[in-house]
């Protein structure tokens, strides 16, 4: 499974507090879990349903320095949530819900990229039951889906705390937004991130954000 730049940005742009317990929904290869474990001494549950992804997830965790703090679960998140007794301080999800795009005939691609497995509304509803009162939720989505997600979050008493608006270059529109939601309603903080300059070089903001995770910047 491919590691994307956008996922790396989400994994490096984390809340300004240290979560004791973290849930990674749709963990894939474990990228977000591993990045969080590198930054925080958190206990992390990584939940993934796809059998191919879970094999990579298992290998990546076992080969990492943080294998004692990350537990992988080959499970449906709805089933996992029903049997979860302890809430989380931080939930992270990188759900590629491109609802307006044509669905792939391939079932695995279809399940990974669309709402066939878990809708945005279901993700928000699950998070409200799994978060601690002070907990926060990080979601990476395209701008159109972000707008829908924010409305659903508001209806479920989850409000924007911070947003990172991501663009390839300064001359292109945003391609994705990392949104952090909280139960506490406050004035949202927003920041723009330009990945590359017009000459194709990584921006200083991008380098500063990813320098602890990329080998070559």
N, C-alpha and C. Protein backbone atom coordinates (compact mmCIF):
# COMPACT_ATOMS: atom_id res chain seq x y z
N UNK A 1 0.84 -1.19 0.00
CA UNK A 1 0.00 0.00 0.00
C UNK A 1 0.88 1.25 0.00
N UNK A 2 0.50 2.24 -0.79
CA UNK A 2 1.33 3.42 -0.98
C UNK A 2 1.21 4.37 0.20
N UNK A 3 2.35 4.91 0.60
CA UNK A 3 2.39 5.95 1.63
C UNK A 3 2.30 7.30 0.93
N UNK A 4 1.33 8.12 1.29
CA UNK A 4 1.13 9.39 0.60
C UNK A 4 1.71 10.55 1.40
N UNK A 5 2.03 11.60 0.68
CA UNK A 5 2.52 12.82 1.32
C UNK A 5 1.48 13.40 2.25
N UNK A 6 0.21 13.37 1.83
CA UNK A 6 -0.86 13.93 2.65
C UNK A 6 -0.98 13.19 3.99
N UNK A 7 -0.86 11.87 3.95
CA UNK A 7 -0.93 11.10 5.19
C UNK A 7 0.24 11.45 6.10
N UNK A 8 1.41 11.65 5.52
CA UNK A 8 2.58 12.04 6.31
C UNK A 8 2.37 13.41 6.96
N UNK A 9 1.74 14.31 6.23
CA UNK A 9 1.45 15.63 6.79
C UNK A 9 0.50 15.50 7.98
N UNK A 10 -0.54 14.69 7.82
CA UNK A 10 -1.48 14.50 8.93
C UNK A 10 -0.78 13.89 10.15
N UNK A 11 0.09 12.91 9.90
CA UNK A 11 0.77 12.24 11.00
C UNK A 11 1.76 13.13 11.73
N UNK A 12 2.21 14.18 11.09
CA UNK A 12 3.18 15.08 11.73
C UNK A 12 2.51 16.31 12.34
N UNK A 13 1.26 16.58 11.94
CA UNK A 13 0.53 17.75 12.46
C UNK A 13 -0.43 17.27 13.54
N UNK A 14 0.06 17.23 14.75
CA UNK A 14 -0.66 16.61 15.86
C UNK A 14 -1.05 17.63 16.91
N UNK A 15 -2.00 17.30 17.79
CA UNK A 15 -2.43 18.25 18.83
C UNK A 15 -1.29 18.64 19.76
N UNK A 16 -1.44 19.80 20.39
CA UNK A 16 -0.40 20.32 21.27
C UNK A 16 -0.55 19.81 22.70
N UNK A 17 -0.86 18.54 22.83
CA UNK A 17 -0.90 17.89 24.13
C UNK A 17 -0.48 16.44 23.93
N UNK A 18 -0.16 15.76 25.02
CA UNK A 18 0.32 14.39 24.92
C UNK A 18 -0.82 13.43 25.26
N UNK A 19 -1.38 12.74 24.28
CA UNK A 19 -2.47 11.81 24.56
C UNK A 19 -1.94 10.52 25.18
N UNK A 20 -2.61 10.08 26.21
CA UNK A 20 -2.20 8.84 26.86
C UNK A 20 -2.60 7.62 26.04
N UNK A 21 -3.79 7.70 25.42
CA UNK A 21 -4.31 6.58 24.66
C UNK A 21 -4.83 7.06 23.32
N UNK A 22 -4.41 6.37 22.23
CA UNK A 22 -4.72 6.79 20.87
C UNK A 22 -5.38 5.65 20.11
N UNK A 23 -6.35 6.01 19.26
CA UNK A 23 -7.00 5.05 18.36
C UNK A 23 -6.78 5.48 16.93
N UNK A 24 -6.25 4.58 16.11
CA UNK A 24 -6.04 4.81 14.68
C UNK A 24 -7.07 3.99 13.93
N UNK A 25 -8.06 4.67 13.35
CA UNK A 25 -9.16 3.99 12.64
C UNK A 25 -8.80 3.83 11.17
N UNK A 26 -8.83 2.58 10.68
CA UNK A 26 -8.42 2.32 9.30
C UNK A 26 -6.93 2.54 9.17
N UNK A 27 -6.16 1.82 9.98
CA UNK A 27 -4.73 2.10 10.16
C UNK A 27 -3.90 1.83 8.92
N UNK A 28 -4.39 1.01 7.99
CA UNK A 28 -3.62 0.72 6.78
C UNK A 28 -2.29 0.04 7.12
N UNK A 29 -1.20 0.62 6.65
CA UNK A 29 0.13 0.05 6.92
C UNK A 29 0.68 0.47 8.27
N UNK A 30 -0.05 1.34 8.98
CA UNK A 30 0.39 1.76 10.31
C UNK A 30 1.15 3.07 10.33
N UNK A 31 1.16 3.79 9.20
CA UNK A 31 1.94 5.02 9.11
C UNK A 31 1.60 6.00 10.23
N UNK A 32 0.31 6.30 10.40
CA UNK A 32 -0.07 7.29 11.40
C UNK A 32 0.25 6.82 12.81
N UNK A 33 -0.01 5.55 13.08
CA UNK A 33 0.31 5.00 14.40
C UNK A 33 1.80 5.12 14.70
N UNK A 34 2.63 4.82 13.73
CA UNK A 34 4.07 4.87 13.92
C UNK A 34 4.57 6.30 14.10
N UNK A 35 3.99 7.24 13.35
CA UNK A 35 4.40 8.63 13.49
C UNK A 35 4.00 9.19 14.86
N UNK A 36 2.80 8.80 15.31
CA UNK A 36 2.35 9.25 16.63
C UNK A 36 3.22 8.63 17.72
N UNK A 37 3.55 7.36 17.57
CA UNK A 37 4.40 6.69 18.55
C UNK A 37 5.79 7.30 18.60
N UNK A 38 6.27 7.79 17.46
CA UNK A 38 7.58 8.43 17.43
C UNK A 38 7.58 9.74 18.23
N UNK A 39 6.45 10.45 18.20
CA UNK A 39 6.39 11.76 18.85
C UNK A 39 5.94 11.68 20.31
N UNK A 40 4.98 10.79 20.59
CA UNK A 40 4.39 10.71 21.93
C UNK A 40 4.61 9.34 22.55
N UNK A 41 4.68 9.25 23.88
CA UNK A 41 4.79 7.95 24.56
C UNK A 41 3.42 7.31 24.77
N UNK A 42 2.57 7.39 23.77
CA UNK A 42 1.19 6.94 23.90
C UNK A 42 1.04 5.44 23.69
N UNK A 43 -0.06 4.90 24.24
CA UNK A 43 -0.49 3.54 23.93
C UNK A 43 -1.47 3.65 22.77
N UNK A 44 -1.24 2.88 21.71
CA UNK A 44 -1.99 3.06 20.47
C UNK A 44 -2.66 1.75 20.04
N UNK A 45 -3.95 1.86 19.72
CA UNK A 45 -4.69 0.76 19.10
C UNK A 45 -4.88 1.09 17.63
N UNK A 46 -4.35 0.22 16.76
CA UNK A 46 -4.46 0.41 15.32
C UNK A 46 -5.44 -0.61 14.76
N UNK A 47 -6.57 -0.14 14.24
CA UNK A 47 -7.64 -1.02 13.78
C UNK A 47 -7.71 -1.00 12.25
N UNK A 48 -7.67 -2.18 11.64
CA UNK A 48 -7.70 -2.29 10.18
C UNK A 48 -8.48 -3.55 9.81
N UNK A 49 -9.35 -3.43 8.79
CA UNK A 49 -10.19 -4.55 8.38
C UNK A 49 -9.61 -5.32 7.18
N UNK A 50 -8.85 -4.63 6.33
CA UNK A 50 -8.37 -5.27 5.10
C UNK A 50 -7.29 -6.30 5.40
N UNK A 51 -7.43 -7.54 4.92
CA UNK A 51 -6.45 -8.59 5.25
C UNK A 51 -5.06 -8.33 4.68
N UNK A 52 -4.97 -7.71 3.51
CA UNK A 52 -3.66 -7.40 2.94
C UNK A 52 -2.97 -6.30 3.74
N UNK A 53 -3.73 -5.29 4.11
CA UNK A 53 -3.15 -4.19 4.88
C UNK A 53 -2.72 -4.65 6.26
N UNK A 54 -3.49 -5.54 6.86
CA UNK A 54 -3.17 -5.96 8.23
C UNK A 54 -1.84 -6.70 8.28
N UNK A 55 -1.51 -7.42 7.23
CA UNK A 55 -0.22 -8.13 7.19
C UNK A 55 0.94 -7.12 7.17
N UNK A 56 0.80 -6.08 6.37
CA UNK A 56 1.82 -5.04 6.33
C UNK A 56 1.87 -4.27 7.65
N UNK A 57 0.69 -4.01 8.20
CA UNK A 57 0.60 -3.32 9.48
C UNK A 57 1.34 -4.09 10.57
N UNK A 58 1.11 -5.39 10.61
CA UNK A 58 1.77 -6.24 11.61
C UNK A 58 3.28 -6.20 11.45
N UNK A 59 3.75 -6.35 10.22
CA UNK A 59 5.20 -6.35 9.97
C UNK A 59 5.83 -5.01 10.35
N UNK A 60 5.17 -3.93 9.95
CA UNK A 60 5.72 -2.60 10.23
C UNK A 60 5.81 -2.33 11.73
N UNK A 61 4.80 -2.75 12.46
CA UNK A 61 4.82 -2.54 13.91
C UNK A 61 5.91 -3.38 14.56
N UNK A 62 5.99 -4.64 14.17
CA UNK A 62 6.97 -5.54 14.79
C UNK A 62 8.41 -5.12 14.52
N UNK A 63 8.62 -4.45 13.39
CA UNK A 63 9.97 -4.01 13.03
C UNK A 63 10.30 -2.61 13.56
N UNK A 64 9.37 -1.99 14.26
CA UNK A 64 9.58 -0.64 14.75
C UNK A 64 10.08 -0.64 16.19
N UNK A 65 10.65 0.47 16.63
CA UNK A 65 11.10 0.58 18.02
C UNK A 65 9.95 0.71 19.01
N UNK A 66 8.71 0.87 18.49
CA UNK A 66 7.57 1.15 19.36
C UNK A 66 6.56 0.00 19.39
N UNK A 67 7.02 -1.21 19.07
CA UNK A 67 6.12 -2.35 18.97
C UNK A 67 5.43 -2.68 20.29
N UNK A 68 6.02 -2.30 21.41
CA UNK A 68 5.40 -2.59 22.70
C UNK A 68 4.27 -1.62 23.04
N UNK A 69 4.16 -0.53 22.27
CA UNK A 69 3.12 0.47 22.56
C UNK A 69 2.02 0.51 21.51
N UNK A 70 2.19 -0.23 20.43
CA UNK A 70 1.17 -0.26 19.37
C UNK A 70 0.57 -1.66 19.27
N UNK A 71 -0.73 -1.74 19.41
CA UNK A 71 -1.42 -3.03 19.28
C UNK A 71 -2.31 -2.98 18.04
N UNK A 72 -2.13 -3.93 17.14
CA UNK A 72 -2.94 -3.95 15.93
C UNK A 72 -4.15 -4.87 16.10
N UNK A 73 -5.25 -4.51 15.46
CA UNK A 73 -6.50 -5.25 15.56
C UNK A 73 -7.05 -5.48 14.16
N UNK A 74 -7.15 -6.73 13.74
CA UNK A 74 -7.77 -7.05 12.45
C UNK A 74 -9.26 -7.18 12.71
N UNK A 75 -9.96 -6.06 12.56
CA UNK A 75 -11.35 -6.03 12.99
C UNK A 75 -12.12 -4.94 12.27
N UNK A 76 -13.42 -5.08 12.25
CA UNK A 76 -14.33 -4.03 11.82
C UNK A 76 -14.42 -3.00 12.94
N UNK A 77 -14.29 -1.72 12.63
CA UNK A 77 -14.25 -0.71 13.67
C UNK A 77 -15.55 -0.64 14.45
N UNK A 78 -16.67 -0.94 13.80
CA UNK A 78 -17.95 -0.95 14.52
C UNK A 78 -17.97 -2.04 15.58
N UNK A 79 -17.48 -3.21 15.22
CA UNK A 79 -17.41 -4.32 16.18
C UNK A 79 -16.41 -3.98 17.28
N UNK A 80 -15.27 -3.43 16.89
CA UNK A 80 -14.25 -3.06 17.87
C UNK A 80 -14.80 -2.05 18.87
N UNK A 81 -15.55 -1.07 18.38
CA UNK A 81 -16.09 -0.02 19.25
C UNK A 81 -17.09 -0.58 20.26
N UNK A 82 -17.87 -1.57 19.84
CA UNK A 82 -18.87 -2.16 20.74
C UNK A 82 -18.22 -2.86 21.92
N UNK A 83 -16.99 -3.33 21.73
CA UNK A 83 -16.30 -4.07 22.78
C UNK A 83 -15.17 -3.26 23.40
N UNK A 84 -15.20 -1.94 23.17
CA UNK A 84 -14.17 -1.06 23.71
C UNK A 84 -14.67 -0.47 25.03
N UNK A 85 -13.95 -0.71 26.10
CA UNK A 85 -14.39 -0.26 27.43
C UNK A 85 -13.75 1.04 27.87
N UNK A 86 -12.59 1.37 27.33
CA UNK A 86 -11.88 2.58 27.74
C UNK A 86 -11.82 3.60 26.61
N UNK A 87 -12.20 4.85 26.89
CA UNK A 87 -12.17 5.88 25.84
C UNK A 87 -10.75 6.33 25.50
N UNK A 88 -10.64 7.12 24.42
CA UNK A 88 -9.34 7.54 23.89
C UNK A 88 -9.18 9.05 24.01
N UNK A 89 -7.93 9.46 24.24
CA UNK A 89 -7.61 10.88 24.31
C UNK A 89 -7.47 11.49 22.92
N UNK A 90 -7.16 10.64 21.95
CA UNK A 90 -6.94 11.13 20.59
C UNK A 90 -7.31 10.03 19.61
N UNK A 91 -8.11 10.38 18.60
CA UNK A 91 -8.47 9.46 17.52
C UNK A 91 -8.00 10.07 16.21
N UNK A 92 -7.40 9.25 15.38
CA UNK A 92 -6.92 9.72 14.08
C UNK A 92 -7.50 8.83 12.99
N UNK A 93 -7.92 9.45 11.90
CA UNK A 93 -8.49 8.70 10.78
C UNK A 93 -8.10 9.38 9.48
N UNK A 94 -7.69 8.58 8.53
CA UNK A 94 -7.34 9.07 7.20
C UNK A 94 -8.25 8.37 6.20
N UNK A 95 -9.55 8.74 6.22
CA UNK A 95 -10.52 8.02 5.40
C UNK A 95 -10.65 8.62 4.01
N UNK A 96 -10.17 7.94 2.98
CA UNK A 96 -10.27 8.50 1.64
C UNK A 96 -11.68 8.38 1.06
N UNK A 97 -12.59 9.21 1.59
CA UNK A 97 -13.99 9.17 1.17
C UNK A 97 -14.22 10.15 0.02
N UNK A 98 -13.85 9.74 -1.18
CA UNK A 98 -14.05 10.61 -2.32
C UNK A 98 -15.42 10.30 -2.93
N UNK A 99 -16.45 10.82 -2.29
CA UNK A 99 -17.82 10.41 -2.60
C UNK A 99 -18.26 10.80 -4.00
N UNK A 100 -17.69 11.86 -4.54
CA UNK A 100 -18.15 12.35 -5.83
C UNK A 100 -17.40 11.74 -7.01
N UNK A 101 -16.43 10.86 -6.71
CA UNK A 101 -15.69 10.22 -7.78
C UNK A 101 -16.35 8.90 -8.15
N UNK A 102 -16.08 8.44 -9.38
CA UNK A 102 -16.61 7.16 -9.81
C UNK A 102 -16.00 6.04 -9.00
N UNK A 103 -16.81 5.08 -8.62
CA UNK A 103 -16.31 3.98 -7.82
C UNK A 103 -15.56 2.97 -8.70
N UNK A 104 -14.51 2.42 -8.12
CA UNK A 104 -13.72 1.42 -8.83
C UNK A 104 -14.46 0.10 -8.84
N UNK A 105 -14.34 -0.68 -9.93
CA UNK A 105 -14.95 -2.01 -9.95
C UNK A 105 -14.23 -2.98 -9.02
N UNK A 106 -13.01 -2.65 -8.64
CA UNK A 106 -12.26 -3.51 -7.73
C UNK A 106 -12.77 -3.31 -6.31
N UNK A 107 -13.17 -4.39 -5.65
CA UNK A 107 -13.82 -4.27 -4.35
C UNK A 107 -12.91 -3.66 -3.30
N UNK A 108 -11.64 -4.07 -3.26
CA UNK A 108 -10.74 -3.56 -2.24
C UNK A 108 -10.48 -2.07 -2.43
N UNK A 109 -10.27 -1.65 -3.69
CA UNK A 109 -10.07 -0.24 -3.96
C UNK A 109 -11.35 0.53 -3.61
N UNK A 110 -12.48 -0.05 -3.98
CA UNK A 110 -13.77 0.56 -3.70
C UNK A 110 -13.97 0.75 -2.20
N UNK A 111 -13.64 -0.26 -1.42
CA UNK A 111 -13.81 -0.19 0.02
C UNK A 111 -12.85 0.82 0.63
N UNK A 112 -11.65 0.90 0.07
CA UNK A 112 -10.64 1.81 0.62
C UNK A 112 -10.95 3.26 0.31
N UNK A 113 -11.54 3.53 -0.87
CA UNK A 113 -11.67 4.91 -1.32
C UNK A 113 -13.05 5.51 -1.14
N UNK A 114 -14.01 4.71 -0.78
CA UNK A 114 -15.36 5.23 -0.75
C UNK A 114 -16.07 4.85 0.54
N UNK A 115 -17.34 5.21 0.62
CA UNK A 115 -18.07 5.06 1.86
C UNK A 115 -18.67 3.66 2.04
N UNK A 116 -18.25 2.69 1.26
CA UNK A 116 -18.82 1.35 1.37
C UNK A 116 -18.57 0.73 2.74
N UNK A 117 -17.44 1.05 3.36
CA UNK A 117 -17.11 0.45 4.64
C UNK A 117 -17.56 1.27 5.82
N UNK A 118 -17.33 2.58 5.79
CA UNK A 118 -17.64 3.44 6.92
C UNK A 118 -17.90 4.85 6.40
N UNK A 119 -19.06 5.38 6.66
CA UNK A 119 -19.38 6.73 6.20
C UNK A 119 -18.79 7.76 7.13
N UNK A 120 -18.72 8.97 6.64
CA UNK A 120 -18.22 10.06 7.48
C UNK A 120 -19.10 10.22 8.70
N UNK A 121 -20.40 10.10 8.52
CA UNK A 121 -21.34 10.23 9.64
C UNK A 121 -21.10 9.13 10.67
N UNK A 122 -20.86 7.91 10.20
CA UNK A 122 -20.59 6.81 11.12
C UNK A 122 -19.28 7.03 11.86
N UNK A 123 -18.29 7.57 11.17
CA UNK A 123 -17.00 7.84 11.80
C UNK A 123 -17.16 8.88 12.91
N UNK A 124 -17.90 9.93 12.65
CA UNK A 124 -18.14 10.96 13.65
C UNK A 124 -18.91 10.39 14.83
N UNK A 125 -19.96 9.62 14.55
CA UNK A 125 -20.78 9.04 15.62
C UNK A 125 -19.95 8.11 16.50
N UNK A 126 -19.13 7.28 15.86
CA UNK A 126 -18.25 6.38 16.61
C UNK A 126 -17.31 7.18 17.50
N UNK A 127 -16.77 8.24 16.97
CA UNK A 127 -15.79 9.03 17.71
C UNK A 127 -16.41 9.67 18.95
N UNK A 128 -17.67 10.09 18.85
CA UNK A 128 -18.31 10.69 20.02
C UNK A 128 -18.46 9.69 21.15
N UNK A 129 -18.56 8.42 20.82
CA UNK A 129 -18.69 7.39 21.86
C UNK A 129 -17.34 6.92 22.39
N UNK A 130 -16.27 7.15 21.61
CA UNK A 130 -14.96 6.62 21.97
C UNK A 130 -14.00 7.66 22.54
N UNK A 131 -14.34 8.93 22.43
CA UNK A 131 -13.45 9.99 22.92
C UNK A 131 -13.69 10.29 24.40
N UNK A 132 -12.60 10.63 25.10
CA UNK A 132 -12.72 11.16 26.45
C UNK A 132 -13.33 12.57 26.36
N UNK A 133 -13.82 13.13 27.47
CA UNK A 133 -14.39 14.49 27.43
C UNK A 133 -13.43 15.53 26.88
N UNK A 134 -12.12 15.34 27.10
CA UNK A 134 -11.13 16.29 26.60
C UNK A 134 -10.47 15.81 25.30
N UNK A 135 -10.93 14.68 24.77
CA UNK A 135 -10.29 14.08 23.61
C UNK A 135 -10.51 14.85 22.33
N UNK A 136 -9.64 14.56 21.33
CA UNK A 136 -9.74 15.22 20.03
C UNK A 136 -9.66 14.19 18.91
N UNK A 137 -10.21 14.58 17.77
CA UNK A 137 -10.28 13.71 16.58
C UNK A 137 -9.62 14.43 15.42
N UNK A 138 -8.69 13.73 14.73
CA UNK A 138 -8.02 14.28 13.55
C UNK A 138 -8.48 13.52 12.31
N UNK A 139 -8.95 14.27 11.31
CA UNK A 139 -9.44 13.67 10.07
C UNK A 139 -8.84 14.40 8.88
N UNK A 140 -8.36 13.64 7.91
CA UNK A 140 -7.84 14.19 6.66
C UNK A 140 -8.84 13.91 5.54
N UNK A 141 -9.31 14.98 4.89
CA UNK A 141 -10.29 14.84 3.82
C UNK A 141 -10.08 15.94 2.77
N UNK A 142 -10.60 15.73 1.56
CA UNK A 142 -10.62 16.81 0.57
C UNK A 142 -11.54 17.93 1.05
N UNK A 143 -11.42 19.14 0.49
CA UNK A 143 -12.21 20.29 0.96
C UNK A 143 -13.72 20.06 0.97
N UNK A 144 -14.26 19.48 -0.10
CA UNK A 144 -15.71 19.29 -0.16
C UNK A 144 -16.19 18.35 0.94
N UNK A 145 -15.50 17.24 1.13
CA UNK A 145 -15.88 16.30 2.17
C UNK A 145 -15.64 16.88 3.57
N UNK A 146 -14.63 17.76 3.68
CA UNK A 146 -14.38 18.41 4.97
C UNK A 146 -15.57 19.26 5.39
N UNK A 147 -16.12 19.99 4.45
CA UNK A 147 -17.28 20.83 4.77
C UNK A 147 -18.43 19.98 5.28
N UNK A 148 -18.68 18.87 4.63
CA UNK A 148 -19.75 17.97 5.07
C UNK A 148 -19.43 17.41 6.45
N UNK A 149 -18.18 17.00 6.66
CA UNK A 149 -17.78 16.42 7.93
C UNK A 149 -17.93 17.40 9.08
N UNK A 150 -17.57 18.67 8.84
CA UNK A 150 -17.67 19.69 9.89
C UNK A 150 -19.13 19.89 10.29
N UNK A 151 -20.03 19.88 9.33
CA UNK A 151 -21.46 20.01 9.64
C UNK A 151 -21.96 18.83 10.46
N UNK A 152 -21.54 17.63 10.08
CA UNK A 152 -21.93 16.43 10.84
C UNK A 152 -21.34 16.48 12.24
N UNK A 153 -20.09 16.91 12.34
CA UNK A 153 -19.46 17.04 13.64
C UNK A 153 -20.21 18.00 14.54
N UNK A 154 -20.59 19.14 14.00
CA UNK A 154 -21.33 20.13 14.78
C UNK A 154 -22.65 19.55 15.29
N UNK A 155 -23.31 18.79 14.45
CA UNK A 155 -24.57 18.16 14.87
C UNK A 155 -24.37 17.14 15.98
N UNK A 156 -23.15 16.65 16.11
CA UNK A 156 -22.82 15.67 17.14
C UNK A 156 -21.95 16.27 18.25
N UNK A 157 -21.97 17.58 18.36
CA UNK A 157 -21.25 18.31 19.42
C UNK A 157 -19.74 18.08 19.36
N UNK A 158 -19.21 18.00 18.14
CA UNK A 158 -17.77 18.01 17.92
C UNK A 158 -17.46 19.23 17.05
N UNK A 159 -16.56 20.09 17.52
CA UNK A 159 -16.34 21.38 16.88
C UNK A 159 -14.89 21.53 16.42
N UNK A 160 -14.69 22.36 15.42
CA UNK A 160 -13.34 22.58 14.90
C UNK A 160 -12.46 23.23 15.97
N UNK A 161 -11.34 22.61 16.22
CA UNK A 161 -10.32 23.20 17.07
C UNK A 161 -9.23 23.82 16.20
N UNK A 162 -8.74 23.04 15.24
CA UNK A 162 -7.66 23.49 14.35
C UNK A 162 -7.87 22.90 12.96
N UNK A 163 -7.37 23.62 11.96
CA UNK A 163 -7.38 23.11 10.59
C UNK A 163 -6.07 23.47 9.90
N UNK A 164 -5.58 22.51 9.13
CA UNK A 164 -4.41 22.72 8.29
C UNK A 164 -4.85 22.55 6.84
N UNK A 165 -4.84 23.65 6.10
CA UNK A 165 -5.30 23.66 4.71
C UNK A 165 -4.08 23.44 3.81
N UNK A 166 -4.10 22.35 3.04
CA UNK A 166 -2.93 21.91 2.28
C UNK A 166 -3.10 22.18 0.78
N UNK A 167 -2.07 22.81 0.19
CA UNK A 167 -2.03 23.04 -1.25
C UNK A 167 -0.71 22.55 -1.81
N UNK A 168 -0.72 22.08 -3.05
CA UNK A 168 0.52 21.66 -3.69
C UNK A 168 1.49 22.83 -3.84
N UNK A 169 0.97 23.93 -4.42
CA UNK A 169 1.75 25.16 -4.57
C UNK A 169 0.85 26.34 -4.23
N UNK A 170 1.45 27.51 -4.14
CA UNK A 170 0.68 28.71 -3.77
C UNK A 170 -0.31 29.12 -4.86
N UNK A 171 -0.12 28.62 -6.06
CA UNK A 171 -0.99 29.01 -7.18
C UNK A 171 -2.10 27.99 -7.44
N UNK A 172 -2.17 26.97 -6.60
CA UNK A 172 -3.20 25.95 -6.79
C UNK A 172 -4.16 25.93 -5.60
N UNK A 173 -5.41 25.55 -5.84
CA UNK A 173 -6.39 25.49 -4.74
C UNK A 173 -6.04 24.36 -3.77
N UNK A 174 -6.59 24.40 -2.57
CA UNK A 174 -6.32 23.35 -1.58
C UNK A 174 -6.72 21.97 -2.10
N UNK A 175 -5.91 20.97 -1.76
CA UNK A 175 -6.21 19.59 -2.16
C UNK A 175 -6.74 18.76 -1.00
N UNK A 176 -6.47 19.19 0.22
CA UNK A 176 -6.93 18.45 1.39
C UNK A 176 -6.84 19.33 2.62
N UNK A 177 -7.57 18.92 3.66
CA UNK A 177 -7.57 19.66 4.93
C UNK A 177 -7.48 18.66 6.08
N UNK A 178 -6.55 18.90 6.98
CA UNK A 178 -6.52 18.15 8.24
C UNK A 178 -7.34 18.95 9.24
N UNK A 179 -8.39 18.33 9.76
CA UNK A 179 -9.26 18.99 10.74
C UNK A 179 -9.16 18.27 12.07
N UNK A 180 -8.95 19.04 13.13
CA UNK A 180 -8.98 18.48 14.48
C UNK A 180 -10.24 18.97 15.16
N UNK A 181 -11.04 18.02 15.60
CA UNK A 181 -12.31 18.31 16.25
C UNK A 181 -12.21 18.07 17.75
N UNK A 182 -12.97 18.86 18.50
CA UNK A 182 -12.97 18.76 19.95
C UNK A 182 -14.40 18.89 20.46
N UNK A 183 -14.66 18.37 21.64
CA UNK A 183 -15.97 18.55 22.26
C UNK A 183 -16.16 20.00 22.72
N UNK A 184 -15.06 20.69 22.95
CA UNK A 184 -15.12 22.06 23.44
C UNK A 184 -15.23 23.03 22.28
N UNK A 185 -16.23 23.89 22.32
CA UNK A 185 -16.42 24.87 21.25
C UNK A 185 -15.53 26.08 21.51
N UNK A 186 -14.75 26.45 20.49
CA UNK A 186 -13.82 27.57 20.62
C UNK A 186 -13.65 28.23 19.26
N UNK A 187 -12.86 29.30 19.23
CA UNK A 187 -12.58 29.96 17.95
C UNK A 187 -11.59 29.09 17.18
N UNK A 188 -11.98 28.59 16.00
CA UNK A 188 -11.09 27.70 15.24
C UNK A 188 -9.81 28.39 14.81
N UNK A 189 -8.71 27.64 14.88
CA UNK A 189 -7.43 28.13 14.40
C UNK A 189 -7.13 27.47 13.06
N UNK A 190 -6.73 28.27 12.09
CA UNK A 190 -6.48 27.75 10.75
C UNK A 190 -5.08 28.14 10.28
N UNK A 191 -4.44 27.22 9.58
CA UNK A 191 -3.11 27.45 9.04
C UNK A 191 -3.03 26.87 7.64
N UNK A 192 -2.31 27.54 6.76
CA UNK A 192 -2.11 27.06 5.39
C UNK A 192 -0.73 26.41 5.26
N UNK A 193 -0.68 25.33 4.52
CA UNK A 193 0.59 24.67 4.24
C UNK A 193 0.76 24.50 2.74
N UNK A 194 1.79 25.10 2.18
CA UNK A 194 2.16 24.93 0.78
C UNK A 194 3.25 23.87 0.73
N UNK A 195 3.02 22.80 -0.04
CA UNK A 195 3.99 21.71 -0.07
C UNK A 195 5.26 22.08 -0.83
N UNK A 196 5.10 22.66 -2.02
CA UNK A 196 6.26 22.96 -2.86
C UNK A 196 6.21 24.38 -3.41
N UNK A 197 7.38 24.88 -3.71
CA UNK A 197 7.50 26.19 -4.35
C UNK A 197 7.18 26.06 -5.83
N UNK A 198 7.12 27.18 -6.53
CA UNK A 198 6.87 27.15 -7.97
C UNK A 198 7.97 26.42 -8.72
N UNK A 199 9.16 26.36 -8.11
CA UNK A 199 10.29 25.66 -8.75
C UNK A 199 10.29 24.17 -8.45
N UNK A 200 9.32 23.71 -7.66
CA UNK A 200 9.21 22.28 -7.38
C UNK A 200 9.97 21.81 -6.15
N UNK A 201 10.51 22.75 -5.38
CA UNK A 201 11.24 22.39 -4.16
C UNK A 201 10.31 22.44 -2.95
N UNK A 202 10.56 21.58 -1.97
CA UNK A 202 9.75 21.58 -0.76
C UNK A 202 9.86 22.94 -0.06
N UNK A 203 8.73 23.42 0.43
CA UNK A 203 8.71 24.69 1.14
C UNK A 203 9.36 24.54 2.52
N UNK A 204 9.75 25.66 3.11
CA UNK A 204 10.35 25.63 4.44
C UNK A 204 9.35 25.16 5.48
N UNK A 205 8.09 25.51 5.33
CA UNK A 205 7.05 25.05 6.27
C UNK A 205 6.92 23.53 6.20
N UNK A 206 6.96 23.00 4.99
CA UNK A 206 6.86 21.55 4.83
C UNK A 206 8.07 20.86 5.45
N UNK A 207 9.25 21.39 5.20
CA UNK A 207 10.47 20.82 5.74
C UNK A 207 10.44 20.83 7.27
N UNK A 208 10.02 21.94 7.84
CA UNK A 208 9.96 22.06 9.30
C UNK A 208 8.99 21.05 9.89
N UNK A 209 7.89 20.83 9.21
CA UNK A 209 6.87 19.91 9.71
C UNK A 209 7.30 18.46 9.61
N UNK A 210 8.00 18.10 8.53
CA UNK A 210 8.31 16.69 8.25
C UNK A 210 9.75 16.29 8.54
N UNK A 211 10.58 17.19 8.98
CA UNK A 211 12.01 16.91 9.11
C UNK A 211 12.32 15.75 10.06
N UNK A 212 11.47 15.53 11.07
CA UNK A 212 11.71 14.46 12.02
C UNK A 212 11.30 13.09 11.48
N UNK A 213 10.65 13.07 10.31
CA UNK A 213 10.10 11.83 9.77
C UNK A 213 10.70 11.45 8.42
N UNK A 214 11.14 12.44 7.64
CA UNK A 214 11.73 12.16 6.34
C UNK A 214 13.24 12.00 6.49
N UNK A 215 13.81 11.02 5.81
CA UNK A 215 15.25 10.84 5.86
C UNK A 215 16.00 11.92 5.10
N UNK A 216 15.41 12.37 4.01
CA UNK A 216 16.09 13.35 3.17
C UNK A 216 15.16 14.53 2.89
N UNK A 217 15.48 15.68 3.47
CA UNK A 217 14.74 16.91 3.22
C UNK A 217 15.73 18.07 3.11
